[in-house]
C-alpha atoms as a PDB file:
ATOM      1  CA  MET A   1       0.000   0.000   0.000  1.00  0.00           C
ATOM      2  CA  TYR A   2       1.726   3.145  -1.299  1.00  0.00           C
ATOM      3  CA  VAL A   3       1.109   6.005   1.161  1.00  0.00           C
ATOM      4  CA  SER A   4       2.624   9.090   2.774  1.00  0.00           C
ATOM      5  CA  ALA A   5       4.437   8.623   6.078  1.00  0.00           C
ATOM      6  CA  LYS A   6       2.056  10.820   8.088  1.00  0.00           C
ATOM      7  CA  ASN A   7      -0.446   8.325   9.481  1.00  0.00           C
ATOM      8  CA  MET A   8       2.090   5.592  10.176  1.00  0.00           C
ATOM      9  CA  LEU A   9       4.198   8.025  12.222  1.00  0.00           C
ATOM     10  CA  ILE A  10       1.242   9.454  14.147  1.00  0.00           C
ATOM     11  CA  LYS A  11       0.381   5.858  15.108  1.00  0.00           C
ATOM     12  CA  ALA A  12       4.009   5.134  16.009  1.00  0.00           C
ATOM     13  CA  LYS A  13       4.264   8.193  18.241  1.00  0.00           C
ATOM     14  CA  ALA A  14       1.047   7.292  20.047  1.00  0.00           C
ATOM     15  CA  GLY A  15       2.047   3.624  20.320  1.00  0.00           C
ATOM     16  CA  HIS A  16       5.614   4.285  21.506  1.00  0.00           C
ATOM     17  CA  TYR A  17       7.356   2.413  18.723  1.00  0.00           C
ATOM     18  CA  ALA A  18       9.352   3.522  15.678  1.00  0.00           C
ATOM     19  CA  VAL A  19       9.020   2.917  11.952  1.00  0.00           C
ATOM     20  CA  PRO A  20      12.301   2.104  10.173  1.00  0.00           C
ATOM     21  CA  GLN A  21      13.447   4.055   7.162  1.00  0.00           C
ATOM     22  CA  ILE A  22      15.431   1.557   5.128  1.00  0.00           C
ATOM     23  CA  ASN A  23      17.461   3.297   2.458  1.00  0.00           C
ATOM     24  CA  ILE A  24      17.323   1.494  -0.883  1.00  0.00           C
ATOM     25  CA  ASN A  25      20.025   1.282  -3.529  1.00  0.00           C
ATOM     26  CA  ASN A  26      18.608  -1.042  -6.201  1.00  0.00           C
ATOM     27  CA  LEU A  27      15.818  -3.496  -6.993  1.00  0.00           C
ATOM     28  CA  GLU A  28      17.221  -6.200  -4.691  1.00  0.00           C
ATOM     29  CA  TRP A  29      17.312  -3.785  -1.749  1.00  0.00           C
ATOM     30  CA  THR A  30      13.739  -2.682  -2.379  1.00  0.00           C
ATOM     31  CA  LYS A  31      12.418  -6.211  -2.787  1.00  0.00           C
ATOM     32  CA  ALA A  32      14.173  -7.442   0.376  1.00  0.00           C
ATOM     33  CA  ALA A  33      12.871  -4.565   2.498  1.00  0.00           C
ATOM     34  CA  LEU A  34       9.298  -4.880   1.240  1.00  0.00           C
ATOM     35  CA  GLN A  35       9.163  -8.664   1.596  1.00  0.00           C
ATOM     36  CA  THR A  36      10.388  -8.393   5.195  1.00  0.00           C
ATOM     37  CA  ALA A  37       7.843  -5.700   6.047  1.00  0.00           C
ATOM     38  CA  GLN A  38       5.054  -7.834   4.594  1.00  0.00           C
ATOM     39  CA  GLU A  39       6.250 -10.932   6.450  1.00  0.00           C
ATOM     40  CA  LEU A  40       6.322  -9.058   9.767  1.00  0.00           C
ATOM     41  CA  ASN A  41       3.130  -7.054   9.079  1.00  0.00           C
ATOM     42  CA  ALA A  42       5.069  -3.858   9.738  1.00  0.00           C
ATOM     43  CA  PRO A  43       4.921  -0.371   8.198  1.00  0.00           C
ATOM     44  CA  ILE A  44       8.064   0.727   6.355  1.00  0.00           C
ATOM     45  CA  ILE A  45       9.615   3.838   4.869  1.00  0.00           C
ATOM     46  CA  LEU A  46      11.928   3.425   1.879  1.00  0.00           C
ATOM     47  CA  GLY A  47      14.559   6.164   1.884  1.00  0.00           C
ATOM     48  CA  VAL A  48      16.249   7.462  -1.262  1.00  0.00           C
ATOM     49  CA  SER A  49      19.121   9.939  -1.099  1.00  0.00           C
ATOM     50  CA  GLU A  50      19.825  12.233  -4.020  1.00  0.00           C
ATOM     51  CA  GLY A  51      22.895  10.159  -4.843  1.00  0.00           C
ATOM     52  CA  ALA A  52      20.965   6.898  -4.762  1.00  0.00           C
ATOM     53  CA  GLY A  53      18.267   8.450  -6.931  1.00  0.00           C
ATOM     54  CA  LYS A  54      20.855   9.441  -9.499  1.00  0.00           C
ATOM     55  CA  TYR A  55      22.408   5.963  -9.358  1.00  0.00           C
ATOM     56  CA  MET A  56      19.021   4.382 -10.032  1.00  0.00           C
ATOM     57  CA  CYS A  57      18.477   6.565 -13.137  1.00  0.00           C
ATOM     58  CA  GLY A  58      16.396   9.285 -11.540  1.00  0.00           C
ATOM     59  CA  PHE A  59      13.536   9.716  -9.084  1.00  0.00           C
ATOM     60  CA  GLN A  60      10.900   8.804 -11.647  1.00  0.00           C
ATOM     61  CA  THR A  61      12.563   5.429 -12.210  1.00  0.00           C
ATOM     62  CA  VAL A  62      12.680   4.836  -8.458  1.00  0.00           C
ATOM     63  CA  ALA A  63       9.022   5.740  -7.919  1.00  0.00           C
ATOM     64  CA  ASP A  64       7.879   3.585 -10.825  1.00  0.00           C
ATOM     65  CA  MET A  65      10.008   0.666  -9.616  1.00  0.00           C
ATOM     66  CA  VAL A  66       8.706   0.845  -6.052  1.00  0.00           C
ATOM     67  CA  LYS A  67       5.067   1.053  -7.148  1.00  0.00           C
ATOM     68  CA  ALA A  68       5.546  -1.860  -9.539  1.00  0.00           C
ATOM     69  CA  ILE A  69       7.245  -4.025  -6.905  1.00  0.00           C
ATOM     70  CA  ILE A  70       4.456  -3.293  -4.415  1.00  0.00           C
ATOM     71  CA  GLU A  71       1.935  -4.424  -7.000  1.00  0.00           C
ATOM     72  CA  GLY A  72       4.004  -7.347  -8.246  1.00  0.00           C
ATOM     73  CA  LEU A  73       4.608  -8.776  -4.782  1.00  0.00           C
ATOM     74  CA  GLY A  74       1.113  -7.997  -3.510  1.00  0.00           C
ATOM     75  CA  ILE A  75       2.425  -5.820  -0.671  1.00  0.00           C
ATOM     76  CA  THR A  76      -0.434  -4.704   1.577  1.00  0.00           C
ATOM     77  CA  VAL A  77       1.427  -3.080   4.500  1.00  0.00           C
ATOM     78  CA  PRO A  78       1.858   0.734   4.431  1.00  0.00           C
ATOM     79  CA  VAL A  79       4.899   1.766   2.377  1.00  0.00           C
ATOM     80  CA  ALA A  80       6.156   5.351   2.140  1.00  0.00           C
ATOM     81  CA  LEU A  81       8.735   6.315  -0.483  1.00  0.00           C
ATOM     82  CA  HIS A  82      10.784   9.127   1.041  1.00  0.00           C
ATOM     83  CA  LEU A  83      13.463  11.514  -0.196  1.00  0.00           C
ATOM     84  CA  ASP A  84      16.349  11.470   2.300  1.00  0.00           C
ATOM     85  CA  HIS A  85      18.366  14.653   2.982  1.00  0.00           C
ATOM     86  CA  GLY A  86      16.918  16.449   0.007  1.00  0.00           C
ATOM     87  CA  SER A  87      17.669  19.910  -1.280  1.00  0.00           C
ATOM     88  CA  TYR A  88      14.805  22.327  -1.913  1.00  0.00           C
ATOM     89  CA  ASP A  89      14.863  21.534  -5.644  1.00  0.00           C
ATOM     90  CA  ALA A  90      15.100  17.779  -5.074  1.00  0.00           C
ATOM     91  CA  CYS A  91      11.934  17.910  -2.956  1.00  0.00           C
ATOM     92  CA  TYR A  92      10.021  19.295  -5.943  1.00  0.00           C
ATOM     93  CA  ALA A  93      11.612  16.763  -8.305  1.00  0.00           C
ATOM     94  CA  CYS A  94      10.532  13.889  -6.062  1.00  0.00           C
ATOM     95  CA  MET A  95       7.018  15.225  -5.608  1.00  0.00           C
ATOM     96  CA  ASP A  96       6.666  15.525  -9.373  1.00  0.00           C
ATOM     97  CA  ALA A  97       7.958  11.948  -9.763  1.00  0.00           C
ATOM     98  CA  GLY A  98       5.279  10.596  -7.441  1.00  0.00           C
ATOM     99  CA  PHE A  99       7.002  10.392  -4.052  1.00  0.00           C
ATOM    100  CA  LEU A 100       4.489  10.829  -1.226  1.00  0.00           C
ATOM    101  CA  SER A 101       7.102  11.799   1.372  1.00  0.00           C
ATOM    102  CA  VAL A 102      10.120  14.109   1.226  1.00  0.00           C
ATOM    103  CA  MET A 103      12.795  15.464   3.534  1.00  0.00           C
ATOM    104  CA  PHE A 104      14.102  18.973   3.189  1.00  0.00           C
ATOM    105  CA  ASP A 105      17.498  19.213   4.858  1.00  0.00           C
ATOM    106  CA  GLY A 106      18.008  22.898   5.597  1.00  0.00           C
ATOM    107  CA  SER A 107      20.120  22.198   8.691  1.00  0.00           C
ATOM    108  CA  HIS A 108      23.244  23.675   7.089  1.00  0.00           C
ATOM    109  CA  TYR A 109      21.484  26.998   6.431  1.00  0.00           C
ATOM    110  CA  PRO A 110      21.027  29.814   8.959  1.00  0.00           C
ATOM    111  CA  ILE A 111      17.842  29.087  10.914  1.00  0.00           C
ATOM    112  CA  GLU A 112      15.980  31.969   9.229  1.00  0.00           C
ATOM    113  CA  GLU A 113      16.615  30.489   5.774  1.00  0.00           C
ATOM    114  CA  ASN A 114      15.756  26.986   6.982  1.00  0.00           C
ATOM    115  CA  ILE A 115      12.441  28.336   8.311  1.00  0.00           C
ATOM    116  CA  GLU A 116      11.655  30.277   5.136  1.00  0.00           C
ATOM    117  CA  GLU A 117      12.178  27.368   2.766  1.00  0.00           C
ATOM    118  CA  THR A 118      10.547  24.846   5.098  1.00  0.00           C
ATOM    119  CA  ARG A 119       7.465  27.085   5.408  1.00  0.00           C
ATOM    120  CA  GLU A 120       7.019  27.102   1.627  1.00  0.00           C
ATOM    121  CA  LEU A 121       7.414  23.322   1.445  1.00  0.00           C
ATOM    122  CA  VAL A 122       4.842  22.871   4.235  1.00  0.00           C
ATOM    123  CA  ARG A 123       2.372  24.747   2.050  1.00  0.00           C
ATOM    124  CA  VAL A 124       3.128  22.767  -1.112  1.00  0.00           C
ATOM    125  CA  THR A 125       3.245  19.322   0.520  1.00  0.00           C
ATOM    126  CA  GLY A 126       0.036  20.104   2.389  1.00  0.00           C
ATOM    127  CA  GLU A 127      -1.739  20.891  -0.867  1.00  0.00           C
ATOM    128  CA  ARG A 128      -0.494  17.641  -2.410  1.00  0.00           C
ATOM    129  CA  GLY A 129      -1.059  15.345   0.583  1.00  0.00           C
ATOM    130  CA  ILE A 130       2.654  14.610   0.945  1.00  0.00           C
ATOM    131  CA  SER A 131       4.483  14.146   4.258  1.00  0.00           C
ATOM    132  CA  LEU A 132       7.421  16.439   4.996  1.00  0.00           C
ATOM    133  CA  GLU A 133      10.459  15.910   7.214  1.00  0.00           C
ATOM    134  CA  ALA A 134      12.629  18.843   8.259  1.00  0.00           C
ATOM    135  CA  GLU A 135      15.966  18.899  10.073  1.00  0.00           C
ATOM    136  CA  VAL A 136      17.553  21.073  12.743  1.00  0.00           C
ATOM    137  CA  GLY A 137      21.178  20.544  13.792  1.00  0.00           C
ATOM    138  CA  SER A 138      23.225  18.687  11.208  1.00  0.00           C
ATOM    139  CA  ILE A 139      23.689  14.933  11.608  1.00  0.00           C
ATOM    140  CA  GLY A 140      27.302  13.862  11.929  1.00  0.00           C
ATOM    141  CA  GLY A 141      29.224  11.789   9.409  1.00  0.00           C
ATOM    142  CA  GLU A 142      28.806  11.910   5.653  1.00  0.00           C
ATOM    143  CA  GLU A 143      25.667  11.559   3.558  1.00  0.00           C
ATOM    144  CA  ASP A 144      26.229  11.964  -0.186  1.00  0.00           C
ATOM    145  CA  GLY A 145      29.091  14.387   0.332  1.00  0.00           C
ATOM    146  CA  VAL A 146      27.336  16.452   3.014  1.00  0.00           C
ATOM    147  CA  VAL A 147      29.481  16.234   6.149  1.00  0.00           C
ATOM    148  CA  GLY A 148      28.099  17.069   9.595  1.00  0.00           C
ATOM    149  CA  ALA A 149      29.936  17.036  12.906  1.00  0.00           C
ATOM    150  CA  GLY A 150      27.114  15.539  14.956  1.00  0.00           C
ATOM    151  CA  GLU A 151      25.627  18.754  16.303  1.00  0.00           C
ATOM    152  CA  VAL A 152      23.085  18.931  19.095  1.00  0.00           C
ATOM    153  CA  ALA A 153      20.068  20.871  17.906  1.00  0.00           C
ATOM    154  CA  ASP A 154      18.766  23.935  19.727  1.00  0.00           C
ATOM    155  CA  PRO A 155      15.369  22.932  21.208  1.00  0.00           C
ATOM    156  CA  ALA A 156      13.991  26.441  20.588  1.00  0.00           C
ATOM    157  CA  GLU A 157      14.911  26.195  16.901  1.00  0.00           C
ATOM    158  CA  CYS A 158      13.293  22.747  16.769  1.00  0.00           C
ATOM    159  CA  LYS A 159      10.068  24.286  18.067  1.00  0.00           C
ATOM    160  CA  GLN A 160      10.256  27.030  15.421  1.00  0.00           C
ATOM    161  CA  ILE A 161      10.468  24.428  12.651  1.00  0.00           C
ATOM    162  CA  ALA A 162       7.878  22.110  14.216  1.00  0.00           C
ATOM    163  CA  ASP A 163       5.415  24.984  14.572  1.00  0.00           C
ATOM    164  CA  LEU A 164       5.498  25.477  10.793  1.00  0.00           C
ATOM    165  CA  GLY A 165       3.451  22.298  10.466  1.00  0.00           C
ATOM    166  CA  VAL A 166       5.971  19.743   9.198  1.00  0.00           C
ATOM    167  CA  THR A 167       5.009  16.066   9.519  1.00  0.00           C
ATOM    168  CA  MET A 168       8.166  14.983  11.340  1.00  0.00           C
ATOM    169  CA  LEU A 169      11.326  16.546  12.685  1.00  0.00           C
ATOM    170  CA  ALA A 170      14.904  15.261  12.549  1.00  0.00           C
ATOM    171  CA  ALA A 171      16.918  16.834  15.351  1.00  0.00           C
ATOM    172  CA  GLY A 172      20.622  16.273  15.812  1.00  0.00           C
ATOM    173  CA  ILE A 173      21.360  14.806  19.265  1.00  0.00           C
ATOM    174  CA  GLY A 174      24.943  13.684  18.687  1.00  0.00           C
ATOM    175  CA  ASN A 175      24.033  10.957  16.174  1.00  0.00           C
ATOM    176  CA  ILE A 176      26.085  10.422  13.018  1.00  0.00           C
ATOM    177  CA  HIS A 177      25.817   8.668   9.648  1.00  0.00           C
ATOM    178  CA  GLY A 178      27.944   5.617   8.966  1.00  0.00           C
ATOM    179  CA  LYS A 179      30.028   3.693  11.487  1.00  0.00           C
ATOM    180  CA  TYR A 180      30.339   5.218  14.943  1.00  0.00           C
ATOM    181  CA  PRO A 181      33.906   5.956  16.135  1.00  0.00           C
ATOM    182  CA  GLU A 182      35.214   4.373  19.334  1.00  0.00           C
ATOM    183  CA  ASN A 183      35.280   7.755  21.082  1.00  0.00           C
ATOM    184  CA  TRP A 184      31.630   8.563  20.302  1.00  0.00           C
ATOM    185  CA  ALA A 185      30.016  10.222  23.325  1.00  0.00           C
ATOM    186  CA  GLY A 186      26.554   8.730  22.789  1.00  0.00           C
ATOM    187  CA  LEU A 187      23.152  10.319  22.295  1.00  0.00           C
ATOM    188  CA  ASP A 188      22.285  13.478  24.225  1.00  0.00           C
ATOM    189  CA  PHE A 189      19.049  12.437  25.932  1.00  0.00           C
ATOM    190  CA  GLY A 190      18.818  15.717  27.828  1.00  0.00           C
ATOM    191  CA  ALA A 191      18.557  17.541  24.517  1.00  0.00           C
ATOM    192  CA  LEU A 192      16.051  14.987  23.205  1.00  0.00           C
ATOM    193  CA  GLU A 193      13.859  15.433  26.292  1.00  0.00           C
ATOM    194  CA  ALA A 194      13.940  19.215  25.866  1.00  0.00           C
ATOM    195  CA  ILE A 195      13.053  18.913  22.168  1.00  0.00           C
ATOM    196  CA  GLN A 196      10.222  16.482  22.917  1.00  0.00           C
ATOM    197  CA  GLU A 197       8.835  18.807  25.595  1.00  0.00           C
ATOM    198  CA  LEU A 198       8.713  21.753  23.193  1.00  0.00           C
ATOM    199  CA  THR A 199       7.475  19.900  20.103  1.00  0.00           C
ATOM    200  CA  GLY A 200       4.736  17.827  21.773  1.00  0.00           C
ATOM    201  CA  GLU A 201       3.006  15.391  19.443  1.00  0.00           C
ATOM    202  CA  MET A 202       5.468  15.920  16.588  1.00  0.00           C
ATOM    203  CA  PRO A 203       7.037  12.566  15.532  1.00  0.00           C
ATOM    204  CA  LEU A 204      10.806  12.861  15.936  1.00  0.00           C
ATOM    205  CA  VAL A 205      13.353  11.253  13.629  1.00  0.00           C
ATOM    206  CA  LEU A 206      16.683   9.661  14.531  1.00  0.00           C
ATOM    207  CA  HIS A 207      19.197   9.528  11.693  1.00  0.00           C
ATOM    208  CA  GLY A 208      22.275   7.314  11.780  1.00  0.00           C
ATOM    209  CA  GLY A 209      20.541   4.290  13.312  1.00  0.00           C
ATOM    210  CA  THR A 210      23.442   1.965  12.496  1.00  0.00           C
ATOM    211  CA  GLY A 211      25.663   1.250  15.482  1.00  0.00           C
ATOM    212  CA  ILE A 212      23.630   2.962  18.212  1.00  0.00           C
ATOM    213  CA  PRO A 213      23.420   0.576  21.203  1.00  0.00           C
ATOM    214  CA  GLU A 214      20.029  -1.088  21.638  1.00  0.00           C
ATOM    215  CA  GLU A 215      19.381   0.452  25.045  1.00  0.00           C
ATOM    216  CA  MET A 216      19.904   3.921  23.552  1.00  0.00           C
ATOM    217  CA  ILE A 217      17.489   3.115  20.730  1.00  0.00           C
ATOM    218  CA  ARG A 218      14.834   2.032  23.216  1.00  0.00           C
ATOM    219  CA  ARG A 219      15.349   5.158  25.326  1.00  0.00           C
ATOM    220  CA  ALA A 220      15.110   7.384  22.251  1.00  0.00           C
ATOM    221  CA  ILE A 221      11.779   5.771  21.292  1.00  0.00           C
ATOM    222  CA  GLU A 222      10.508   6.344  24.850  1.00  0.00           C
ATOM    223  CA  LEU A 223      11.387  10.026  24.428  1.00  0.00           C
ATOM    224  CA  GLY A 224       9.379  10.518  21.239  1.00  0.00           C
ATOM    225  CA  VAL A 225      11.471   9.148  18.365  1.00  0.00           C
ATOM    226  CA  SER A 226       9.021   7.597  15.886  1.00  0.00           C
ATOM    227  CA  LYS A 227      11.221   7.079  12.809  1.00  0.00           C
ATOM    228  CA  ILE A 228      14.749   5.667  12.735  1.00  0.00           C
ATOM    229  CA  ASN A 229      16.923   5.617   9.622  1.00  0.00           C
ATOM    230  CA  VAL A 230      19.000   2.565   8.741  1.00  0.00           C
ATOM    231  CA  ASN A 231      21.358   2.421   5.775  1.00  0.00           C
ATOM    232  CA  THR A 232      24.979   1.543   6.577  1.00  0.00           C
ATOM    233  CA  GLU A 233      24.051  -1.607   8.507  1.00  0.00           C
ATOM    234  CA  CYS A 234      22.239  -3.078   5.498  1.00  0.00           C
ATOM    235  CA  GLN A 235      25.148  -2.146   3.232  1.00  0.00           C
ATOM    236  CA  LEU A 236      27.649  -3.852   5.537  1.00  0.00           C
ATOM    237  CA  ALA A 237      25.483  -6.978   5.819  1.00  0.00           C
ATOM    238  CA  PHE A 238      25.028  -7.141   2.040  1.00  0.00           C
ATOM    239  CA  ALA A 239      28.766  -6.712   1.410  1.00  0.00           C
ATOM    240  CA  ALA A 240      29.779  -9.333   3.973  1.00  0.00           C
ATOM    241  CA  ALA A 241      27.359 -11.947   2.609  1.00  0.00           C
ATOM    242  CA  THR A 242      28.418 -11.280  -0.975  1.00  0.00           C
ATOM    243  CA  ARG A 243      32.088 -11.482  -0.032  1.00  0.00           C
ATOM    244  CA  GLY A 244      31.484 -14.772   1.754  1.00  0.00           C
ATOM    245  CA  TYR A 245      29.775 -16.255  -1.313  1.00  0.00           C
ATOM    246  CA  ILE A 246      32.658 -15.289  -3.608  1.00  0.00           C
ATOM    247  CA  GLU A 247      35.438 -16.228  -1.191  1.00  0.00           C
ATOM    248  CA  ALA A 248      33.830 -19.669  -0.845  1.00  0.00           C
ATOM    249  CA  GLY A 249      34.135 -20.003  -4.620  1.00  0.00           C
ATOM    250  CA  LYS A 250      30.400 -20.482  -5.088  1.00  0.00           C
ATOM    251  CA  ASP A 251      30.362 -18.130  -8.065  1.00  0.00           C
ATOM    252  CA  LEU A 252      32.607 -20.646  -9.842  1.00  0.00           C
ATOM    253  CA  GLN A 253      30.315 -23.613  -9.216  1.00  0.00           C
ATOM    254  CA  GLY A 254      27.797 -24.348 -11.949  1.00  0.00           C
ATOM    255  CA  LYS A 255      25.987 -21.128 -12.789  1.00  0.00           C
ATOM    256  CA  GLY A 256      26.876 -19.515  -9.488  1.00  0.00           C
ATOM    257  CA  PHE A 257      27.921 -16.426 -11.412  1.00  0.00           C
ATOM    258  CA  ASP A 258      24.276 -15.747 -12.345  1.00  0.00           C
ATOM    259  CA  PRO A 259      23.493 -12.426 -10.597  1.00  0.00           C
ATOM    260  CA  ARG A 260      20.304 -13.915  -9.202  1.00  0.00           C
ATOM    261  CA  LYS A 261      22.443 -16.467  -7.369  1.00  0.00           C
ATOM    262  CA  LEU A 262      25.386 -14.162  -6.742  1.00  0.00           C
ATOM    263  CA  LEU A 263      23.246 -11.532  -5.016  1.00  0.00           C
ATOM    264  CA  ALA A 264      20.917 -13.917  -3.164  1.00  0.00           C
ATOM    265  CA  PRO A 265      23.024 -14.197   0.037  1.00  0.00           C
ATOM    266  CA  GLY A 266      23.252 -10.410   0.213  1.00  0.00           C
ATOM    267  CA  VAL A 267      19.497 -10.090  -0.188  1.00  0.00           C
ATOM    268  CA  GLU A 268      18.925 -12.558   2.656  1.00  0.00           C
ATOM    269  CA  ALA A 269      21.388 -10.570   4.785  1.00  0.00           C
ATOM    270  CA  ILE A 270      19.399  -7.385   4.158  1.00  0.00           C
ATOM    271  CA  LYS A 271      16.202  -9.173   5.155  1.00  0.00           C
ATOM    272  CA  ALA A 272      17.817 -10.342   8.395  1.00  0.00           C
ATOM    273  CA  ALA A 273      19.065  -6.831   9.178  1.00  0.00           C
ATOM    274  CA  VAL A 274      15.646  -5.281   8.507  1.00  0.00           C
ATOM    275  CA  LYS A 275      13.910  -7.940  10.630  1.00  0.00           C
ATOM    276  CA  GLU A 276      16.307  -7.254  13.497  1.00  0.00           C
ATOM    277  CA  LYS A 277      15.624  -3.511  13.332  1.00  0.00           C
ATOM    278  CA  MET A 278      11.849  -3.889  13.065  1.00  0.00           C
ATOM    279  CA  THR A 279      11.876  -6.139  16.121  1.00  0.00           C
ATOM    280  CA  LEU A 280      14.040  -3.689  18.077  1.00  0.00           C
ATOM    281  CA  PHE A 281      11.946  -0.687  17.044  1.00  0.00           C
ATOM    282  CA  GLY A 282       8.735  -2.434  18.142  1.00  0.00           C
ATOM    283  CA  CYS A 283       6.847  -2.046  14.851  1.00  0.00           C
ATOM    284  CA  VAL A 284       6.240  -5.751  14.126  1.00  0.00           C
ATOM    285  CA  GLY A 285       2.511  -6.361  13.702  1.00  0.00           C
ATOM    286  CA  LYS A 286       1.754  -2.631  13.625  1.00  0.00           C
ATOM    287  CA  ALA A 287       0.796  -2.304   9.944  1.00  0.00           C
END
């Protein structure tokens, strides 16, 4: 069921669980994520960065592929296709391509500019019935060339953005994209509590879900996080399973070189990673 992310996140916030955003990179990724969501009767958000969209031949190709896979596999759980860390122009490109959810990342702009552009997107997405994610305080690590130092967002600025009427808010609380370094200080729960207090019913988003200890994930959900993004963990699982298949020489046995066989272990690894996250986030059976 192809939908915006709004209703699934309102339900998640009220039910004290989180919906995973699984970033997709190709057909195999998409199929694995959707099959797992259907198996577990869980809602899912498929994230697409601008770089991944370009890799997959444009946002229109991605939207058409996702809709076709949903139909082809008979997927009935709620599925939102979501632009991840989008520019202002990319938000419009995705909306025109048929995405029903977009993220405008204005965190690297002065707050006044972030507010101005977010306000306009609130108006446009509202008219089109599309869910909108905004961000305050850049997320650490690297996402398609955008590097953030893991800032902690100003709760007052979070309230300013939330009050514009966005669907969900990503607030930096020391989280980063990619692998977490050994000296990582952990999530700032004091900041998250302050943000939650000021933003009320607004579903909050945690980026950089790979590598955050489980107890921190659970605490973040208790404090209002309703959407958690996972990308690197699936990539690592896919790479490890594919490497294992090749190192075992299975690609040299019979028609083991057939991409359907070559990629199968990686696909199963993605499914296992998604299942683990859905179980941890508490969204199993919540579709």
